Amino acid sequence: MEGMTQERSRQIGRALMALSVFQLACFLLGAVRRSYLVVAIPVGIISGIAAGVGLWVGYTMATTNWDNPADWPPDTAAAEGSPPPDALG
């Protein structure tokens, strides 16, 4: 099995976003059909937070360019523990 590729990461990210939207839509549909507000409101808040986190993680995975990141390769001086040039005065 191959390692993770950028395209595979984007596919997983898109799937996470789709599942988050689907999960929230299912919850909202169920909350509208039943009037269990004492349970539905706190669960709705938690469900919305879970959907938001899923969307955030999915978006990050779908849009991150990790094949050619802007901060790679790392500066060799910074990798050895020396302070950044602007910190020297």
PDB file of N, CA and C in Angstrom:
ATOM      1  N   MET A   1       0.841  -1.184   0.000  1.00  0.00           N
ATOM      2  CA  MET A   1       0.000   0.000   0.000  1.00  0.00           C
ATOM      3  C   MET A   1       0.884   1.244   0.000  1.00  0.00           C
ATOM      4  N   GLU A   2       0.526   2.203  -0.832  1.00  0.00           N
ATOM      5  CA  GLU A   2       1.307   3.430  -0.930  1.00  0.00           C
ATOM      6  C   GLU A   2       1.060   4.339   0.268  1.00  0.00           C
ATOM      7  N   GLY A   3       1.987   5.275   0.452  1.00  0.00           N
ATOM      8  CA  GLY A   3       1.807   6.267   1.495  1.00  0.00           C
ATOM      9  C   GLY A   3       0.761   7.300   1.089  1.00  0.00           C
ATOM     10  N   MET A   4       0.523   8.225   1.961  1.00  0.00           N
ATOM     11  CA  MET A   4      -0.462   9.270   1.708  1.00  0.00           C
ATOM     12  C   MET A   4       0.048  10.210   0.623  1.00  0.00           C
ATOM     13  N   THR A   5      -0.796  10.501  -0.347  1.00  0.00           N
ATOM     14  CA  THR A   5      -0.463  11.463  -1.388  1.00  0.00           C
ATOM     15  C   THR A   5      -1.322  12.699  -1.196  1.00  0.00           C
ATOM     16  N   GLN A   6      -0.958  13.771  -1.861  1.00  0.00           N
ATOM     17  CA  GLN A   6      -1.730  15.000  -1.729  1.00  0.00           C
ATOM     18  C   GLN A   6      -3.143  14.794  -2.270  1.00  0.00           C
ATOM     19  N   GLU A   7      -3.292  14.077  -3.367  1.00  0.00           N
ATOM     20  CA  GLU A   7      -4.623  13.847  -3.927  1.00  0.00           C
ATOM     21  C   GLU A   7      -5.475  13.010  -2.981  1.00  0.00           C
ATOM     22  N   ARG A   8      -4.883  12.004  -2.365  1.00  0.00           N
ATOM     23  CA  ARG A   8      -5.619  11.171  -1.399  1.00  0.00           C
ATOM     24  C   ARG A   8      -6.036  12.009  -0.192  1.00  0.00           C
ATOM     25  N   SER A   9      -5.156  12.888   0.269  1.00  0.00           N
ATOM     26  CA  SER A   9      -5.484  13.771   1.377  1.00  0.00           C
ATOM     27  C   SER A   9      -6.659  14.671   1.008  1.00  0.00           C
ATOM     28  N   ARG A  10      -6.658  15.175  -0.215  1.00  0.00           N
ATOM     29  CA  ARG A  10      -7.770  16.025  -0.658  1.00  0.00           C
ATOM     30  C   ARG A  10      -9.071  15.241  -0.751  1.00  0.00           C
ATOM     31  N   GLN A  11      -9.002  14.001  -1.201  1.00  0.00           N
ATOM     32  CA  GLN A  11     -10.207  13.177  -1.265  1.00  0.00           C
ATOM     33  C   GLN A  11     -10.766  12.931   0.137  1.00  0.00           C
ATOM     34  N   ILE A  12      -9.897  12.627   1.083  1.00  0.00           N
ATOM     35  CA  ILE A  12     -10.339  12.403   2.461  1.00  0.00           C
ATOM     36  C   ILE A  12     -10.926  13.692   3.035  1.00  0.00           C
ATOM     37  N   GLY A  13     -10.283  14.821   2.740  1.00  0.00           N
ATOM     38  CA  GLY A  13     -10.789  16.103   3.209  1.00  0.00           C
ATOM     39  C   GLY A  13     -12.174  16.404   2.667  1.00  0.00           C
ATOM     40  N   ARG A  14     -12.377  16.158   1.371  1.00  0.00           N
ATOM     41  CA  ARG A  14     -13.696  16.384   0.769  1.00  0.00           C
ATOM     42  C   ARG A  14     -14.732  15.445   1.386  1.00  0.00           C
ATOM     43  N   ALA A  15     -14.350  14.203   1.637  1.00  0.00           N
ATOM     44  CA  ALA A  15     -15.274  13.252   2.253  1.00  0.00           C
ATOM     45  C   ALA A  15     -15.649  13.690   3.666  1.00  0.00           C
ATOM     46  N   LEU A  16     -14.671  14.180   4.432  1.00  0.00           N
ATOM     47  CA  LEU A  16     -14.972  14.682   5.781  1.00  0.00           C
ATOM     48  C   LEU A  16     -15.942  15.857   5.741  1.00  0.00           C
ATOM     49  N   MET A  17     -15.733  16.769   4.787  1.00  0.00           N
ATOM     50  CA  MET A  17     -16.645  17.900   4.670  1.00  0.00           C
ATOM     51  C   MET A  17     -18.051  17.435   4.308  1.00  0.00           C
ATOM     52  N   ALA A  18     -18.160  16.509   3.363  1.00  0.00           N
ATOM     53  CA  ALA A  18     -19.473  16.004   2.951  1.00  0.00           C
ATOM     54  C   ALA A  18     -20.170  15.287   4.103  1.00  0.00           C
ATOM     55  N   LEU A  19     -19.431  14.451   4.834  1.00  0.00           N
ATOM     56  CA  LEU A  19     -20.024  13.742   5.971  1.00  0.00           C
ATOM     57  C   LEU A  19     -20.451  14.700   7.076  1.00  0.00           C
ATOM     58  N   SER A  20     -19.701  15.770   7.287  1.00  0.00           N
ATOM     59  CA  SER A  20     -20.063  16.746   8.316  1.00  0.00           C
ATOM     60  C   SER A  20     -21.367  17.456   7.956  1.00  0.00           C
ATOM     61  N   VAL A  21     -21.490  17.850   6.697  1.00  0.00           N
ATOM     62  CA  VAL A  21     -22.723  18.513   6.255  1.00  0.00           C
ATOM     63  C   VAL A  21     -23.894  17.538   6.329  1.00  0.00           C
ATOM     64  N   PHE A  22     -23.683  16.292   5.892  1.00  0.00           N
ATOM     65  CA  PHE A  22     -24.735  15.281   5.947  1.00  0.00           C
ATOM     66  C   PHE A  22     -25.172  15.012   7.381  1.00  0.00           C
ATOM     67  N   GLN A  23     -24.214  14.901   8.285  1.00  0.00           N
ATOM     68  CA  GLN A  23     -24.532  14.647   9.697  1.00  0.00           C
ATOM     69  C   GLN A  23     -25.352  15.771  10.293  1.00  0.00           C
ATOM     70  N   LEU A  24     -24.979  17.015  10.001  1.00  0.00           N
ATOM     71  CA  LEU A  24     -25.722  18.151  10.536  1.00  0.00           C
ATOM     72  C   LEU A  24     -27.108  18.229   9.918  1.00  0.00           C
ATOM     73  N   ALA A  25     -27.235  17.962   8.623  1.00  0.00           N
ATOM     74  CA  ALA A  25     -28.545  17.987   7.969  1.00  0.00           C
ATOM     75  C   ALA A  25     -29.463  16.906   8.542  1.00  0.00           C
ATOM     76  N   CYS A  26     -28.929  15.714   8.782  1.00  0.00           N
ATOM     77  CA  CYS A  26     -29.733  14.644   9.390  1.00  0.00           C
ATOM     78  C   CYS A  26     -30.204  15.033  10.779  1.00  0.00           C
ATOM     79  N   PHE A  27     -29.325  15.640  11.555  1.00  0.00           N
ATOM     80  CA  PHE A  27     -29.719  16.063  12.892  1.00  0.00           C
ATOM     81  C   PHE A  27     -30.814  17.126  12.828  1.00  0.00           C
ATOM     82  N   LEU A  28     -30.627  18.119  11.975  1.00  0.00           N
ATOM     83  CA  LEU A  28     -31.618  19.195  11.872  1.00  0.00           C
ATOM     84  C   LEU A  28     -32.957  18.665  11.398  1.00  0.00           C
ATOM     85  N   LEU A  29     -32.967  17.737  10.457  1.00  0.00           N
ATOM     86  CA  LEU A  29     -34.209  17.134   9.994  1.00  0.00           C
ATOM     87  C   LEU A  29     -34.892  16.391  11.135  1.00  0.00           C
ATOM     88  N   GLY A  30     -34.145  15.642  11.913  1.00  0.00           N
ATOM     89  CA  GLY A  30     -34.708  14.936  13.061  1.00  0.00           C
ATOM     90  C   GLY A  30     -35.207  15.882  14.137  1.00  0.00           C
ATOM     91  N   ALA A  31     -34.508  16.987  14.349  1.00  0.00           N
ATOM     92  CA  ALA A  31     -34.927  17.953  15.367  1.00  0.00           C
ATOM     93  C   ALA A  31     -36.219  18.655  14.955  1.00  0.00           C
ATOM     94  N   VAL A  32     -36.410  18.890  13.661  1.00  0.00           N
ATOM     95  CA  VAL A  32     -37.629  19.547  13.176  1.00  0.00           C
ATOM     96  C   VAL A  32     -38.823  18.616  13.303  1.00  0.00           C
ATOM     97  N   ARG A  33     -38.653  17.363  13.064  1.00  0.00           N
ATOM     98  CA  ARG A  33     -39.760  16.400  13.111  1.00  0.00           C
ATOM     99  C   ARG A  33     -40.199  16.058  14.534  1.00  0.00           C
ATOM    100  N   ARG A  34     -39.328  16.161  15.473  1.00  0.00           N
ATOM    101  CA  ARG A  34     -39.666  15.841  16.868  1.00  0.00           C
ATOM    102  C   ARG A  34     -39.434  17.088  17.717  1.00  0.00           C
ATOM    103  N   SER A  35     -40.196  17.221  18.759  1.00  0.00           N
ATOM    104  CA  SER A  35     -40.027  18.406  19.603  1.00  0.00           C
ATOM    105  C   SER A  35     -39.436  18.032  20.964  1.00  0.00           C
ATOM    106  N   TYR A  36     -38.290  17.449  20.960  1.00  0.00           N
ATOM    107  CA  TYR A  36     -37.571  17.129  22.184  1.00  0.00           C
ATOM    108  C   TYR A  36     -36.548  18.230  22.439  1.00  0.00           C
ATOM    109  N   LEU A  37     -37.017  19.458  22.625  1.00  0.00           N
ATOM    110  CA  LEU A  37     -36.123  20.600  22.697  1.00  0.00           C
ATOM    111  C   LEU A  37     -35.150  20.540  23.872  1.00  0.00           C
ATOM    112  N   VAL A  38     -35.586  19.930  24.965  1.00  0.00           N
ATOM    113  CA  VAL A  38     -34.697  19.860  26.122  1.00  0.00           C
ATOM    114  C   VAL A  38     -33.446  19.052  25.782  1.00  0.00           C
ATOM    115  N   VAL A  39     -33.597  18.038  24.979  1.00  0.00           N
ATOM    116  CA  VAL A  39     -32.459  17.226  24.567  1.00  0.00           C
ATOM    117  C   VAL A  39     -31.868  17.757  23.267  1.00  0.00           C
ATOM    118  N   ALA A  40     -32.733  18.217  22.366  1.00  0.00           N
ATOM    119  CA  ALA A  40     -32.288  18.584  21.026  1.00  0.00           C
ATOM    120  C   ALA A  40     -31.395  19.816  21.016  1.00  0.00           C
ATOM    121  N   ILE A  41     -31.663  20.786  21.851  1.00  0.00           N
ATOM    122  CA  ILE A  41     -30.858  22.013  21.816  1.00  0.00           C
ATOM    123  C   ILE A  41     -29.415  21.747  22.229  1.00  0.00           C
ATOM    124  N   PRO A  42     -29.143  21.119  23.384  1.00  0.00           N
ATOM    125  CA  PRO A  42     -27.733  20.847  23.717  1.00  0.00           C
ATOM    126  C   PRO A  42     -27.068  19.886  22.726  1.00  0.00           C
ATOM    127  N   VAL A  43     -27.793  18.877  22.299  1.00  0.00           N
ATOM    128  CA  VAL A  43     -27.232  17.945  21.331  1.00  0.00           C
ATOM    129  C   VAL A  43     -27.005  18.658  20.002  1.00  0.00           C
ATOM    130  N   GLY A  44     -27.879  19.585  19.664  1.00  0.00           N
ATOM    131  CA  GLY A  44     -27.708  20.365  18.440  1.00  0.00           C
ATOM    132  C   GLY A  44     -26.461  21.227  18.490  1.00  0.00           C
ATOM    133  N   ILE A  45     -26.220  21.828  19.636  1.00  0.00           N
ATOM    134  CA  ILE A  45     -25.009  22.643  19.784  1.00  0.00           C
ATOM    135  C   ILE A  45     -23.763  21.766  19.641  1.00  0.00           C
ATOM    136  N   ILE A  46     -23.761  20.635  20.317  1.00  0.00           N
ATOM    137  CA  ILE A  46     -22.623  19.718  20.228  1.00  0.00           C
ATOM    138  C   ILE A  46     -22.482  19.189  18.799  1.00  0.00           C
ATOM    139  N   SER A  47     -23.611  18.872  18.174  1.00  0.00           N
ATOM    140  CA  SER A  47     -23.588  18.378  16.802  1.00  0.00           C
ATOM    141  C   SER A  47     -23.053  19.442  15.846  1.00  0.00           C
ATOM    142  N   GLY A  48     -23.450  20.688  16.054  1.00  0.00           N
ATOM    143  CA  GLY A  48     -22.944  21.778  15.225  1.00  0.00           C
ATOM    144  C   GLY A  48     -21.447  21.981  15.394  1.00  0.00           C
ATOM    145  N   ILE A  49     -20.970  21.869  16.629  1.00  0.00           N
ATOM    146  CA  ILE A  49     -19.532  21.991  16.882  1.00  0.00           C
ATOM    147  C   ILE A  49     -18.783  20.849  16.208  1.00  0.00           C
ATOM    148  N   ALA A  50     -19.319  19.628  16.322  1.00  0.00           N
ATOM    149  CA  ALA A  50     -18.670  18.471  15.676  1.00  0.00           C
ATOM    150  C   ALA A  50     -18.642  18.645  14.157  1.00  0.00           C
ATOM    151  N   ALA A  51     -19.739  19.146  13.592  1.00  0.00           N
ATOM    152  CA  ALA A  51     -19.782  19.373  12.146  1.00  0.00           C
ATOM    153  C   ALA A  51     -18.784  20.461  11.754  1.00  0.00           C
ATOM    154  N   GLY A  52     -18.679  21.509  12.558  1.00  0.00           N
ATOM    155  CA  GLY A  52     -17.727  22.581  12.276  1.00  0.00           C
ATOM    156  C   GLY A  52     -16.287  22.097  12.318  1.00  0.00           C
ATOM    157  N   VAL A  53     -15.964  21.283  13.299  1.00  0.00           N
ATOM    158  CA  VAL A  53     -14.608  20.729  13.387  1.00  0.00           C
ATOM    159  C   VAL A  53     -14.339  19.820  12.196  1.00  0.00           C
ATOM    160  N   GLY A  54     -15.341  19.016  11.820  1.00  0.00           N
ATOM    161  CA  GLY A  54     -15.180  18.154  10.657  1.00  0.00           C
ATOM    162  C   GLY A  54     -14.970  18.950   9.385  1.00  0.00           C
ATOM    163  N   LEU A  55     -15.724  20.047   9.228  1.00  0.00           N
ATOM    164  CA  LEU A  55     -15.535  20.907   8.060  1.00  0.00           C
ATOM    165  C   LEU A  55     -14.155  21.548   8.064  1.00  0.00           C
ATOM    166  N   TRP A  56     -13.708  21.996   9.218  1.00  0.00           N
ATOM    167  CA  TRP A  56     -12.398  22.639   9.327  1.00  0.00           C
ATOM    168  C   TRP A  56     -11.281  21.660   8.966  1.00  0.00           C
ATOM    169  N   VAL A  57     -11.329  20.465   9.541  1.00  0.00           N
ATOM    170  CA  VAL A  57     -10.306  19.455   9.252  1.00  0.00           C
ATOM    171  C   VAL A  57     -10.373  19.047   7.782  1.00  0.00           C
ATOM    172  N   GLY A  58     -11.580  18.847   7.268  1.00  0.00           N
ATOM    173  CA  GLY A  58     -11.731  18.478   5.866  1.00  0.00           C
ATOM    174  C   GLY A  58     -11.224  19.552   4.927  1.00  0.00           C
ATOM    175  N   TYR A  59     -11.546  20.807   5.218  1.00  0.00           N
ATOM    176  CA  TYR A  59     -11.086  21.919   4.382  1.00  0.00           C
ATOM    177  C   TYR A  59      -9.558  22.009   4.410  1.00  0.00           C
ATOM    178  N   THR A  60      -8.993  21.861   5.600  1.00  0.00           N
ATOM    179  CA  THR A  60      -7.539  21.917   5.730  1.00  0.00           C
ATOM    180  C   THR A  60      -6.880  20.798   4.927  1.00  0.00           C
ATOM    181  N   MET A  61      -7.428  19.589   5.025  1.00  0.00           N
ATOM    182  CA  MET A  61      -6.852  18.471   4.281  1.00  0.00           C
ATOM    183  C   MET A  61      -7.052  18.639   2.777  1.00  0.00           C
ATOM    184  N   ALA A  62      -8.182  19.214   2.377  1.00  0.00           N
ATOM    185  CA  ALA A  62      -8.488  19.341   0.952  1.00  0.00           C
ATOM    186  C   ALA A  62      -7.680  20.436   0.277  1.00  0.00           C
ATOM    187  N   THR A  63      -7.239  21.444   1.019  1.00  0.00           N
ATOM    188  CA  THR A  63      -6.601  22.597   0.386  1.00  0.00           C
ATOM    189  C   THR A  63      -5.119  22.760   0.701  1.00  0.00           C
ATOM    190  N   THR A  64      -4.569  21.973   1.618  1.00  0.00           N
ATOM    191  CA  THR A  64      -3.162  22.123   1.969  1.00  0.00           C
ATOM    192  C   THR A  64      -2.280  21.600   0.846  1.00  0.00           C
ATOM    193  N   ASN A  65      -1.295  22.410   0.455  1.00  0.00           N
ATOM    194  CA  ASN A  65      -0.342  22.009  -0.575  1.00  0.00           C
ATOM    195  C   ASN A  65       0.911  21.499   0.124  1.00  0.00           C
ATOM    196  N   TRP A  66       0.983  20.214   0.357  1.00  0.00           N
ATOM    197  CA  TRP A  66       2.136  19.681   1.071  1.00  0.00           C
ATOM    198  C   TRP A  66       3.145  19.026   0.148  1.00  0.00           C
ATOM    199  N   ASP A  67       2.888  19.033  -1.159  1.00  0.00           N
ATOM    200  CA  ASP A  67       3.920  18.555  -2.081  1.00  0.00           C
ATOM    201  C   ASP A  67       5.028  19.590  -2.240  1.00  0.00           C
ATOM    202  N   ASN A  68       4.678  20.869  -2.229  1.00  0.00           N
ATOM    203  CA  ASN A  68       5.653  21.956  -2.378  1.00  0.00           C
ATOM    204  C   ASN A  68       5.365  23.048  -1.348  1.00  0.00           C
ATOM    205  N   PRO A  69       5.559  22.772  -0.063  1.00  0.00           N
ATOM    206  CA  PRO A  69       5.259  23.790   0.940  1.00  0.00           C
ATOM    207  C   PRO A  69       6.223  24.966   0.860  1.00  0.00           C
ATOM    208  N   ALA A  70       5.736  26.133   1.239  1.00  0.00           N
ATOM    209  CA  ALA A  70       6.537  27.359   1.153  1.00  0.00           C
ATOM    210  C   ALA A  70       7.704  27.353   2.139  1.00  0.00           C
ATOM    211  N   ASP A  71       7.606  26.610   3.233  1.00  0.00           N
ATOM    212  CA  ASP A  71       8.665  26.623   4.239  1.00  0.00           C
ATOM    213  C   ASP A  71       9.609  25.425   4.128  1.00  0.00           C
ATOM    214  N   TRP A  72       9.668  24.790   2.960  1.00  0.00           N
ATOM    215  CA  TRP A  72      10.543  23.639   2.787  1.00  0.00           C
ATOM    216  C   TRP A  72      11.517  23.902   1.667  1.00  0.00           C
ATOM    217  N   PRO A  73      12.748  23.599   1.721  1.00  0.00           N
ATOM    218  CA  PRO A  73      13.450  22.949   2.817  1.00  0.00           C
ATOM    219  C   PRO A  73      13.736  23.941   3.942  1.00  0.00           C
ATOM    220  N   PRO A  74      13.823  23.435   5.164  1.00  0.00           N
ATOM    221  CA  PRO A  74      14.084  24.336   6.289  1.00  0.00           C
ATOM    222  C   PRO A  74      15.483  24.931   6.207  1.00  0.00           C
ATOM    223  N   ASP A  75      15.613  26.109   6.767  1.00  0.00           N
ATOM    224  CA  ASP A  75      16.915  26.781   6.816  1.00  0.00           C
ATOM    225  C   ASP A  75      17.854  25.966   7.691  1.00  0.00           C
ATOM    226  N   THR A  76      19.050  25.664   7.212  1.00  0.00           N
ATOM    227  CA  THR A  76      19.969  24.803   7.971  1.00  0.00           C
ATOM    228  C   THR A  76      20.429  25.464   9.263  1.00  0.00           C
ATOM    229  N   ALA A  77      20.592  26.792   9.268  1.00  0.00           N
ATOM    230  CA  ALA A  77      21.007  27.472  10.503  1.00  0.00           C
ATOM    231  C   ALA A  77      19.905  27.387  11.556  1.00  0.00           C
ATOM    232  N   ALA A  78      18.669  27.550  11.127  1.00  0.00           N
ATOM    233  CA  ALA A  78      17.550  27.460  12.070  1.00  0.00           C
ATOM    234  C   ALA A  78      17.397  26.039  12.573  1.00  0.00           C
ATOM    235  N   ALA A  79      17.699  25.066  11.723  1.00  0.00           N
ATOM    236  CA  ALA A  79      17.584  23.672  12.131  1.00  0.00           C
ATOM    237  C   ALA A  79      18.626  23.312  13.183  1.00  0.00           C
ATOM    238  N   GLU A  80      19.747  24.012  13.199  1.00  0.00           N
ATOM    239  CA  GLU A  80      20.807  23.712  14.158  1.00  0.00           C
ATOM    240  C   GLU A  80      20.600  24.428  15.489  1.00  0.00           C
ATOM    241  N   GLY A  81      19.564  25.230  15.617  1.00  0.00           N
ATOM    242  CA  GLY A  81      19.251  25.863  16.885  1.00  0.00           C
ATOM    243  C   GLY A  81      19.748  27.277  17.022  1.00  0.00           C
ATOM    244  N   SER A  82      20.318  27.874  15.996  1.00  0.00           N
ATOM    245  CA  SER A  82      20.754  29.263  16.111  1.00  0.00           C
ATOM    246  C   SER A  82      19.542  30.192  16.012  1.00  0.00           C
ATOM    247  N   PRO A  83      19.619  31.358  16.628  1.00  0.00           N
ATOM    248  CA  PRO A  83      18.484  32.286  16.581  1.00  0.00           C
ATOM    249  C   PRO A  83      18.312  32.825  15.168  1.00  0.00           C
ATOM    250  N   PRO A  84      17.097  33.266  14.838  1.00  0.00           N
ATOM    251  CA  PRO A  84      16.866  33.842  13.515  1.00  0.00           C
ATOM    252  C   PRO A  84      17.687  35.119  13.338  1.00  0.00           C
ATOM    253  N   PRO A  85      18.030  35.475  12.108  1.00  0.00           N
ATOM    254  CA  PRO A  85      18.896  36.651  11.857  1.00  0.00           C
ATOM    255  C   PRO A  85      18.331  37.943  12.426  1.00  0.00           C
ATOM    256  N   ASP A  86      17.024  38.133  12.399  1.00  0.00           N
ATOM    257  CA  ASP A  86      16.459  39.388  12.897  1.00  0.00           C
ATOM    258  C   ASP A  86      16.515  39.498  14.418  1.00  0.00           C
ATOM    259  N   ALA A  87      16.729  38.380  15.126  1.00  0.00           N
ATOM    260  CA  ALA A  87      16.804  38.390  16.572  1.00  0.00           C
ATOM    261  C   ALA A  87      18.204  38.759  17.085  1.00  0.00           C
ATOM    262  N   LEU A  88      19.170  38.826  16.187  1.00  0.00           N
ATOM    263  CA  LEU A  88      20.543  39.108  16.597  1.00  0.00           C
ATOM    264  C   LEU A  88      20.806  40.590  16.817  1.00  0.00           C
ATOM    265  N   GLY A  89      19.905  41.417  16.406  1.00  0.00           N
ATOM    266  CA  GLY A  89      20.109  42.816  16.719  1.00  0.00           C
ATOM    267  C   GLY A  89      20.055  43.661  15.548  1.00  0.00           C
TER     268      GLY A  89
END
